């Protein structure tokens, strides 16, 4: 099962946007396994199947974008909720 999943994601162009997206969603929806995806990508990069700099960049930028989404939602919805 794991090997078929590894074969599905390695060498594909959409792997890095997937890492970015999961890391971004994990920042404001904590049930998404962002850390697991980042660690798995790092392991695959260590074995030479993915690019380590691209994995680091995708996970970092995804987390940064997700944090900004969380901040924006808190700023936009926070005051309305507290005033209510």
PDB file of N, CA and C in Angstrom:
ATOM      1  N   UNK A   1       0.822  -1.194   0.000  1.00  0.00           N
ATOM      2  CA  UNK A   1       0.000   0.000   0.000  1.00  0.00           C
ATOM      3  C   UNK A   1       0.871   1.266   0.000  1.00  0.00           C
ATOM      4  N   UNK A   2       1.848   1.313   0.912  1.00  0.00           N
ATOM      5  CA  UNK A   2       2.694   2.499   0.997  1.00  0.00           C
ATOM      6  C   UNK A   2       3.514   2.685  -0.277  1.00  0.00           C
ATOM      7  N   UNK A   3       4.033   1.592  -0.825  1.00  0.00           N
ATOM      8  CA  UNK A   3       4.848   1.697  -2.036  1.00  0.00           C
ATOM      9  C   UNK A   3       4.028   2.188  -3.230  1.00  0.00           C
ATOM     10  N   UNK A   4       2.778   1.777  -3.299  1.00  0.00           N
ATOM     11  CA  UNK A   4       1.943   2.271  -4.400  1.00  0.00           C
ATOM     12  C   UNK A   4       1.656   3.760  -4.234  1.00  0.00           C
ATOM     13  N   UNK A   5       1.501   4.214  -2.990  1.00  0.00           N
ATOM     14  CA  UNK A   5       1.299   5.642  -2.733  1.00  0.00           C
ATOM     15  C   UNK A   5       2.564   6.434  -3.061  1.00  0.00           C
ATOM     16  N   UNK A   6       3.707   5.887  -2.699  1.00  0.00           N
ATOM     17  CA  UNK A   6       4.984   6.543  -3.015  1.00  0.00           C
ATOM     18  C   UNK A   6       5.161   6.651  -4.527  1.00  0.00           C
ATOM     19  N   UNK A   7       4.861   5.587  -5.232  1.00  0.00           N
ATOM     20  CA  UNK A   7       4.982   5.611  -6.691  1.00  0.00           C
ATOM     21  C   UNK A   7       4.016   6.603  -7.330  1.00  0.00           C
ATOM     22  N   UNK A   8       2.881   6.829  -6.668  1.00  0.00           N
ATOM     23  CA  UNK A   8       1.891   7.763  -7.201  1.00  0.00           C
ATOM     24  C   UNK A   8       2.377   9.204  -7.116  1.00  0.00           C
ATOM     25  N   UNK A   9       3.055   9.568  -6.027  1.00  0.00           N
ATOM     26  CA  UNK A   9       3.410  10.976  -5.814  1.00  0.00           C
ATOM     27  C   UNK A   9       4.822  11.339  -6.246  1.00  0.00           C
ATOM     28  N   UNK A  10       5.727  10.395  -6.350  1.00  0.00           N
ATOM     29  CA  UNK A  10       7.102  10.761  -6.679  1.00  0.00           C
ATOM     30  C   UNK A  10       7.253  11.073  -8.161  1.00  0.00           C
ATOM     31  N   UNK A  11       7.983  12.124  -8.407  1.00  0.00           N
ATOM     32  CA  UNK A  11       8.269  12.518  -9.777  1.00  0.00           C
ATOM     33  C   UNK A  11       7.134  13.237 -10.476  1.00  0.00           C
ATOM     34  N   UNK A  12       6.066  13.522  -9.781  1.00  0.00           N
ATOM     35  CA  UNK A  12       4.930  14.230 -10.382  1.00  0.00           C
ATOM     36  C   UNK A  12       5.030  15.720 -10.066  1.00  0.00           C
ATOM     37  N   UNK A  13       4.576  16.537 -10.992  1.00  0.00           N
ATOM     38  CA  UNK A  13       4.646  17.990 -10.798  1.00  0.00           C
ATOM     39  C   UNK A  13       3.704  18.461  -9.700  1.00  0.00           C
ATOM     40  N   UNK A  14       2.625  17.743  -9.457  1.00  0.00           N
ATOM     41  CA  UNK A  14       1.620  18.195  -8.502  1.00  0.00           C
ATOM     42  C   UNK A  14       1.951  17.809  -7.067  1.00  0.00           C
ATOM     43  N   UNK A  15       3.053  17.123  -6.830  1.00  0.00           N
ATOM     44  CA  UNK A  15       3.422  16.735  -5.471  1.00  0.00           C
ATOM     45  C   UNK A  15       3.724  17.957  -4.615  1.00  0.00           C
ATOM     46  N   UNK A  16       4.450  18.909  -5.166  1.00  0.00           N
ATOM     47  CA  UNK A  16       4.835  20.089  -4.386  1.00  0.00           C
ATOM     48  C   UNK A  16       3.646  21.012  -4.104  1.00  0.00           C
ATOM     49  N   UNK A  17       2.746  21.254  -5.056  1.00  0.00           N
ATOM     50  CA  UNK A  17       1.533  22.003  -4.701  1.00  0.00           C
ATOM     51  C   UNK A  17       0.657  21.252  -3.678  1.00  0.00           C
ATOM     52  N   UNK A  18       0.693  19.922  -3.706  1.00  0.00           N
ATOM     53  CA  UNK A  18      -0.053  19.149  -2.714  1.00  0.00           C
ATOM     54  C   UNK A  18       0.522  19.361  -1.320  1.00  0.00           C
ATOM     55  N   UNK A  19       1.850  19.338  -1.210  1.00  0.00           N
ATOM     56  CA  UNK A  19       2.506  19.603   0.077  1.00  0.00           C
ATOM     57  C   UNK A  19       2.146  21.008   0.556  1.00  0.00           C
ATOM     58  N   UNK A  20       2.212  21.976  -0.347  1.00  0.00           N
ATOM     59  CA  UNK A  20       1.841  23.361  -0.019  1.00  0.00           C
ATOM     60  C   UNK A  20       0.397  23.430   0.485  1.00  0.00           C
ATOM     61  N   UNK A  21      -0.520  22.804  -0.248  1.00  0.00           N
ATOM     62  CA  UNK A  21      -1.938  22.871   0.109  1.00  0.00           C
ATOM     63  C   UNK A  21      -2.249  22.218   1.441  1.00  0.00           C
ATOM     64  N   UNK A  22      -1.658  21.071   1.697  1.00  0.00           N
ATOM     65  CA  UNK A  22      -1.910  20.389   2.970  1.00  0.00           C
ATOM     66  C   UNK A  22      -1.343  21.202   4.128  1.00  0.00           C
ATOM     67  N   UNK A  23      -0.142  21.752   3.960  1.00  0.00           N
ATOM     68  CA  UNK A  23       0.444  22.580   5.013  1.00  0.00           C
ATOM     69  C   UNK A  23      -0.379  23.838   5.248  1.00  0.00           C
ATOM     70  N   UNK A  24      -0.930  24.407   4.197  1.00  0.00           N
ATOM     71  CA  UNK A  24      -1.747  25.613   4.341  1.00  0.00           C
ATOM     72  C   UNK A  24      -3.051  25.307   5.074  1.00  0.00           C
ATOM     73  N   UNK A  25      -3.728  24.263   4.668  1.00  0.00           N
ATOM     74  CA  UNK A  25      -5.005  23.924   5.303  1.00  0.00           C
ATOM     75  C   UNK A  25      -4.791  23.508   6.758  1.00  0.00           C
ATOM     76  N   UNK A  26      -3.669  22.846   7.056  1.00  0.00           N
ATOM     77  CA  UNK A  26      -3.373  22.420   8.422  1.00  0.00           C
ATOM     78  C   UNK A  26      -3.254  23.605   9.372  1.00  0.00           C
ATOM     79  N   UNK A  27      -2.867  24.758   8.872  1.00  0.00           N
ATOM     80  CA  UNK A  27      -2.689  25.929   9.733  1.00  0.00           C
ATOM     81  C   UNK A  27      -4.008  26.450  10.288  1.00  0.00           C
ATOM     82  N   UNK A  28      -5.119  26.265   9.579  1.00  0.00           N
ATOM     83  CA  UNK A  28      -6.396  26.756  10.102  1.00  0.00           C
ATOM     84  C   UNK A  28      -7.443  25.667  10.273  1.00  0.00           C
ATOM     85  N   UNK A  29      -7.154  24.450   9.890  1.00  0.00           N
ATOM     86  CA  UNK A  29      -8.044  23.306  10.121  1.00  0.00           C
ATOM     87  C   UNK A  29      -7.175  22.172  10.652  1.00  0.00           C
ATOM     88  N   UNK A  30      -7.031  22.067  11.972  1.00  0.00           N
ATOM     89  CA  UNK A  30      -6.005  21.202  12.562  1.00  0.00           C
ATOM     90  C   UNK A  30      -6.194  19.699  12.374  1.00  0.00           C
ATOM     91  N   UNK A  31      -7.269  19.253  11.795  1.00  0.00           N
ATOM     92  CA  UNK A  31      -7.450  17.829  11.580  1.00  0.00           C
ATOM     93  C   UNK A  31      -6.691  17.309  10.365  1.00  0.00           C
ATOM     94  N   UNK A  32      -6.157  18.210   9.561  1.00  0.00           N
ATOM     95  CA  UNK A  32      -5.385  17.835   8.377  1.00  0.00           C
ATOM     96  C   UNK A  32      -3.948  17.526   8.819  1.00  0.00           C
ATOM     97  N   UNK A  33      -3.381  16.396   8.389  1.00  0.00           N
ATOM     98  CA  UNK A  33      -2.050  15.987   8.871  1.00  0.00           C
ATOM     99  C   UNK A  33      -0.892  16.669   8.142  1.00  0.00           C
ATOM    100  N   UNK A  34      -0.711  17.951   8.356  1.00  0.00           N
ATOM    101  CA  UNK A  34       0.328  18.693   7.666  1.00  0.00           C
ATOM    102  C   UNK A  34       1.729  18.245   8.040  1.00  0.00           C
ATOM    103  N   UNK A  35       1.968  17.978   9.328  1.00  0.00           N
ATOM    104  CA  UNK A  35       3.288  17.541   9.757  1.00  0.00           C
ATOM    105  C   UNK A  35       3.629  16.180   9.171  1.00  0.00           C
ATOM    106  N   UNK A  36       2.656  15.305   9.105  1.00  0.00           N
ATOM    107  CA  UNK A  36       2.875  13.976   8.543  1.00  0.00           C
ATOM    108  C   UNK A  36       3.266  14.068   7.076  1.00  0.00           C
ATOM    109  N   UNK A  37       2.598  14.930   6.336  1.00  0.00           N
ATOM    110  CA  UNK A  37       2.918  15.102   4.920  1.00  0.00           C
ATOM    111  C   UNK A  37       4.308  15.698   4.755  1.00  0.00           C
ATOM    112  N   UNK A  38       4.670  16.662   5.592  1.00  0.00           N
ATOM    113  CA  UNK A  38       5.996  17.282   5.492  1.00  0.00           C
ATOM    114  C   UNK A  38       7.101  16.276   5.832  1.00  0.00           C
ATOM    115  N   UNK A  39       6.888  15.470   6.863  1.00  0.00           N
ATOM    116  CA  UNK A  39       7.887  14.474   7.237  1.00  0.00           C
ATOM    117  C   UNK A  39       8.011  13.404   6.160  1.00  0.00           C
ATOM    118  N   UNK A  40       6.888  12.955   5.620  1.00  0.00           N
ATOM    119  CA  UNK A  40       6.918  11.954   4.554  1.00  0.00           C
ATOM    120  C   UNK A  40       7.626  12.506   3.316  1.00  0.00           C
ATOM    121  N   UNK A  41       7.366  13.762   2.992  1.00  0.00           N
ATOM    122  CA  UNK A  41       8.055  14.379   1.854  1.00  0.00           C
ATOM    123  C   UNK A  41       9.554  14.459   2.115  1.00  0.00           C
ATOM    124  N   UNK A  42       9.940  14.765   3.343  1.00  0.00           N
ATOM    125  CA  UNK A  42      11.355  14.802   3.691  1.00  0.00           C
ATOM    126  C   UNK A  42      12.018  13.444   3.579  1.00  0.00           C
ATOM    127  N   UNK A  43      11.316  12.413   3.992  1.00  0.00           N
ATOM    128  CA  UNK A  43      11.849  11.049   3.863  1.00  0.00           C
ATOM    129  C   UNK A  43      12.011  10.684   2.388  1.00  0.00           C
ATOM    130  N   UNK A  44      11.015  11.005   1.583  1.00  0.00           N
ATOM    131  CA  UNK A  44      11.110  10.728   0.146  1.00  0.00           C
ATOM    132  C   UNK A  44      12.221  11.549  -0.503  1.00  0.00           C
ATOM    133  N   UNK A  45      12.415  12.772  -0.018  1.00  0.00           N
ATOM    134  CA  UNK A  45      13.505  13.595  -0.548  1.00  0.00           C
ATOM    135  C   UNK A  45      14.857  13.021  -0.135  1.00  0.00           C
ATOM    136  N   UNK A  46      14.936  12.489   1.075  1.00  0.00           N
ATOM    137  CA  UNK A  46      16.180  11.873   1.530  1.00  0.00           C
ATOM    138  C   UNK A  46      16.557  10.648   0.726  1.00  0.00           C
ATOM    139  N   UNK A  47      15.553   9.958   0.197  1.00  0.00           N
ATOM    140  CA  UNK A  47      15.834   8.777  -0.624  1.00  0.00           C
ATOM    141  C   UNK A  47      16.048   9.145  -2.093  1.00  0.00           C
ATOM    142  N   UNK A  48      15.965  10.448  -2.401  1.00  0.00           N
ATOM    143  CA  UNK A  48      16.243  10.901  -3.758  1.00  0.00           C
ATOM    144  C   UNK A  48      15.042  10.926  -4.680  1.00  0.00           C
ATOM    145  N   UNK A  49      13.855  10.710  -4.163  1.00  0.00           N
ATOM    146  CA  UNK A  49      12.674  10.665  -5.021  1.00  0.00           C
ATOM    147  C   UNK A  49      11.985  12.012  -5.165  1.00  0.00           C
ATOM    148  N   UNK A  50      12.278  12.938  -4.269  1.00  0.00           N
ATOM    149  CA  UNK A  50      11.776  14.308  -4.358  1.00  0.00           C
ATOM    150  C   UNK A  50      12.934  15.264  -4.104  1.00  0.00           C
ATOM    151  N   UNK A  51      12.728  16.518  -4.415  1.00  0.00           N
ATOM    152  CA  UNK A  51      13.737  17.542  -4.181  1.00  0.00           C
ATOM    153  C   UNK A  51      13.551  18.113  -2.774  1.00  0.00           C
ATOM    154  N   UNK A  52      14.580  18.000  -1.941  1.00  0.00           N
ATOM    155  CA  UNK A  52      14.487  18.496  -0.577  1.00  0.00           C
ATOM    156  C   UNK A  52      14.246  20.009  -0.517  1.00  0.00           C
ATOM    157  N   UNK A  53      14.976  20.837  -1.287  1.00  0.00           N
ATOM    158  CA  UNK A  53      14.697  22.280  -1.229  1.00  0.00           C
ATOM    159  C   UNK A  53      13.259  22.623  -1.635  1.00  0.00           C
ATOM    160  N   UNK A  54      12.721  21.921  -2.622  1.00  0.00           N
ATOM    161  CA  UNK A  54      11.338  22.188  -3.021  1.00  0.00           C
ATOM    162  C   UNK A  54      10.345  21.724  -1.956  1.00  0.00           C
ATOM    163  N   UNK A  55      10.630  20.621  -1.280  1.00  0.00           N
ATOM    164  CA  UNK A  55       9.757  20.153  -0.196  1.00  0.00           C
ATOM    165  C   UNK A  55       9.753  21.150   0.956  1.00  0.00           C
ATOM    166  N   UNK A  56      10.942  21.633   1.315  1.00  0.00           N
ATOM    167  CA  UNK A  56      11.045  22.618   2.392  1.00  0.00           C
ATOM    168  C   UNK A  56      10.309  23.899   2.016  1.00  0.00           C
ATOM    169  N   UNK A  57      10.505  24.358   0.793  1.00  0.00           N
ATOM    170  CA  UNK A  57       9.846  25.587   0.343  1.00  0.00           C
ATOM    171  C   UNK A  57       8.334  25.423   0.305  1.00  0.00           C
ATOM    172  N   UNK A  58       7.854  24.295  -0.202  1.00  0.00           N
ATOM    173  CA  UNK A  58       6.412  24.086  -0.305  1.00  0.00           C
ATOM    174  C   UNK A  58       5.767  24.021   1.075  1.00  0.00           C
ATOM    175  N   UNK A  59       6.374  23.274   2.000  1.00  0.00           N
ATOM    176  CA  UNK A  59       5.803  23.155   3.347  1.00  0.00           C
ATOM    177  C   UNK A  59       5.880  24.482   4.102  1.00  0.00           C
ATOM    178  N   UNK A  60       6.998  25.185   3.974  1.00  0.00           N
ATOM    179  CA  UNK A  60       7.161  26.465   4.674  1.00  0.00           C
ATOM    180  C   UNK A  60       6.206  27.528   4.153  1.00  0.00           C
ATOM    181  N   UNK A  61       6.147  27.658   2.847  1.00  0.00           N
ATOM    182  CA  UNK A  61       5.252  28.662   2.260  1.00  0.00           C
ATOM    183  C   UNK A  61       3.789  28.322   2.507  1.00  0.00           C
ATOM    184  N   UNK A  62       3.459  27.030   2.506  1.00  0.00           N
ATOM    185  CA  UNK A  62       2.092  26.617   2.810  1.00  0.00           C
ATOM    186  C   UNK A  62       1.699  26.965   4.234  1.00  0.00           C
ATOM    187  N   UNK A  63       2.610  26.708   5.183  1.00  0.00           N
ATOM    188  CA  UNK A  63       2.332  27.050   6.580  1.00  0.00           C
ATOM    189  C   UNK A  63       2.216  28.562   6.756  1.00  0.00           C
ATOM    190  N   UNK A  64       3.069  29.307   6.076  1.00  0.00           N
ATOM    191  CA  UNK A  64       3.012  30.765   6.145  1.00  0.00           C
ATOM    192  C   UNK A  64       1.693  31.291   5.583  1.00  0.00           C
ATOM    193  N   UNK A  65       1.282  30.750   4.449  1.00  0.00           N
ATOM    194  CA  UNK A  65       0.018  31.178   3.844  1.00  0.00           C
ATOM    195  C   UNK A  65      -1.163  30.804   4.738  1.00  0.00           C
ATOM    196  N   UNK A  66      -1.121  29.614   5.315  1.00  0.00           N
ATOM    197  CA  UNK A  66      -2.202  29.197   6.213  1.00  0.00           C
ATOM    198  C   UNK A  66      -2.286  30.045   7.465  1.00  0.00           C
ATOM    199  N   UNK A  67      -1.127  30.435   8.001  1.00  0.00           N
ATOM    200  CA  UNK A  67      -1.127  31.327   9.159  1.00  0.00           C
ATOM    201  C   UNK A  67      -1.746  32.669   8.814  1.00  0.00           C
ATOM    202  N   UNK A  68      -1.460  33.165   7.631  1.00  0.00           N
ATOM    203  CA  UNK A  68      -2.053  34.436   7.210  1.00  0.00           C
ATOM    204  C   UNK A  68      -3.556  34.312   6.995  1.00  0.00           C
ATOM    205  N   UNK A  69      -4.005  33.173   6.495  1.00  0.00           N
ATOM    206  CA  UNK A  69      -5.449  32.936   6.361  1.00  0.00           C
ATOM    207  C   UNK A  69      -6.095  32.927   7.744  1.00  0.00           C
ATOM    208  N   UNK A  70      -5.467  32.248   8.709  1.00  0.00           N
ATOM    209  CA  UNK A  70      -5.999  32.215  10.076  1.00  0.00           C
ATOM    210  C   UNK A  70      -6.052  33.611  10.680  1.00  0.00           C
ATOM    211  N   UNK A  71      -5.000  34.371  10.481  1.00  0.00           N
ATOM    212  CA  UNK A  71      -4.970  35.739  10.991  1.00  0.00           C
ATOM    213  C   UNK A  71      -6.067  36.581  10.354  1.00  0.00           C
ATOM    214  N   UNK A  72      -6.220  36.449   9.044  1.00  0.00           N
ATOM    215  CA  UNK A  72      -7.255  37.211   8.345  1.00  0.00           C
ATOM    216  C   UNK A  72      -8.653  36.843   8.812  1.00  0.00           C
ATOM    217  N   UNK A  73      -8.897  35.546   8.997  1.00  0.00           N
ATOM    218  CA  UNK A  73     -10.213  35.133   9.494  1.00  0.00           C
ATOM    219  C   UNK A  73     -10.458  35.644  10.905  1.00  0.00           C
ATOM    220  N   UNK A  74      -9.411  35.595  11.739  1.00  0.00           N
ATOM    221  CA  UNK A  74      -9.558  36.102  13.104  1.00  0.00           C
ATOM    222  C   UNK A  74      -9.801  37.593  13.141  1.00  0.00           C
ATOM    223  N   UNK A  75      -9.143  38.324  12.285  1.00  0.00           N
ATOM    224  CA  UNK A  75      -9.341  39.773  12.218  1.00  0.00           C
ATOM    225  C   UNK A  75     -10.721  40.118  11.697  1.00  0.00           C
ATOM    226  N   UNK A  76     -11.145  39.387  10.694  1.00  0.00           N
ATOM    227  CA  UNK A  76     -12.427  39.681  10.061  1.00  0.00           C
ATOM    228  C   UNK A  76     -13.599  39.206  10.912  1.00  0.00           C
ATOM    229  N   UNK A  77     -13.521  38.007  11.461  1.00  0.00           N
ATOM    230  CA  UNK A  77     -14.633  37.457  12.227  1.00  0.00           C
ATOM    231  C   UNK A  77     -14.521  37.671  13.727  1.00  0.00           C
ATOM    232  N   UNK A  78     -13.322  37.915  14.215  1.00  0.00           N
ATOM    233  CA  UNK A  78     -13.092  38.006  15.655  1.00  0.00           C
ATOM    234  C   UNK A  78     -13.868  39.121  16.326  1.00  0.00           C
ATOM    235  N   UNK A  79     -13.781  40.319  15.788  1.00  0.00           N
ATOM    236  CA  UNK A  79     -14.446  41.455  16.418  1.00  0.00           C
ATOM    237  C   UNK A  79     -15.959  41.310  16.368  1.00  0.00           C
ATOM    238  N   UNK A  80     -16.485  40.784  15.275  1.00  0.00           N
ATOM    239  CA  UNK A  80     -17.932  40.600  15.161  1.00  0.00           C
ATOM    240  C   UNK A  80     -18.419  39.587  16.195  1.00  0.00           C
ATOM    241  N   UNK A  81     -17.656  38.563  16.422  1.00  0.00           N
ATOM    242  CA  UNK A  81     -18.038  37.522  17.378  1.00  0.00           C
ATOM    243  C   UNK A  81     -17.960  38.043  18.805  1.00  0.00           C
ATOM    244  N   UNK A  82     -16.910  38.795  19.141  1.00  0.00           N
ATOM    245  CA  UNK A  82     -16.758  39.317  20.490  1.00  0.00           C
ATOM    246  C   UNK A  82     -17.839  40.346  20.804  1.00  0.00           C
ATOM    247  N   UNK A  83     -18.173  41.190  19.826  1.00  0.00           N
ATOM    248  CA  UNK A  83     -19.203  42.213  20.058  1.00  0.00           C
ATOM    249  C   UNK A  83     -20.568  41.602  20.256  1.00  0.00           C
ATOM    250  N   UNK A  84     -20.786  40.445  19.680  1.00  0.00           N
ATOM    251  CA  UNK A  84     -22.076  39.785  19.815  1.00  0.00           C
ATOM    252  C   UNK A  84     -22.208  39.254  21.201  1.00  0.00           C
TER     253      UNK A  84
END
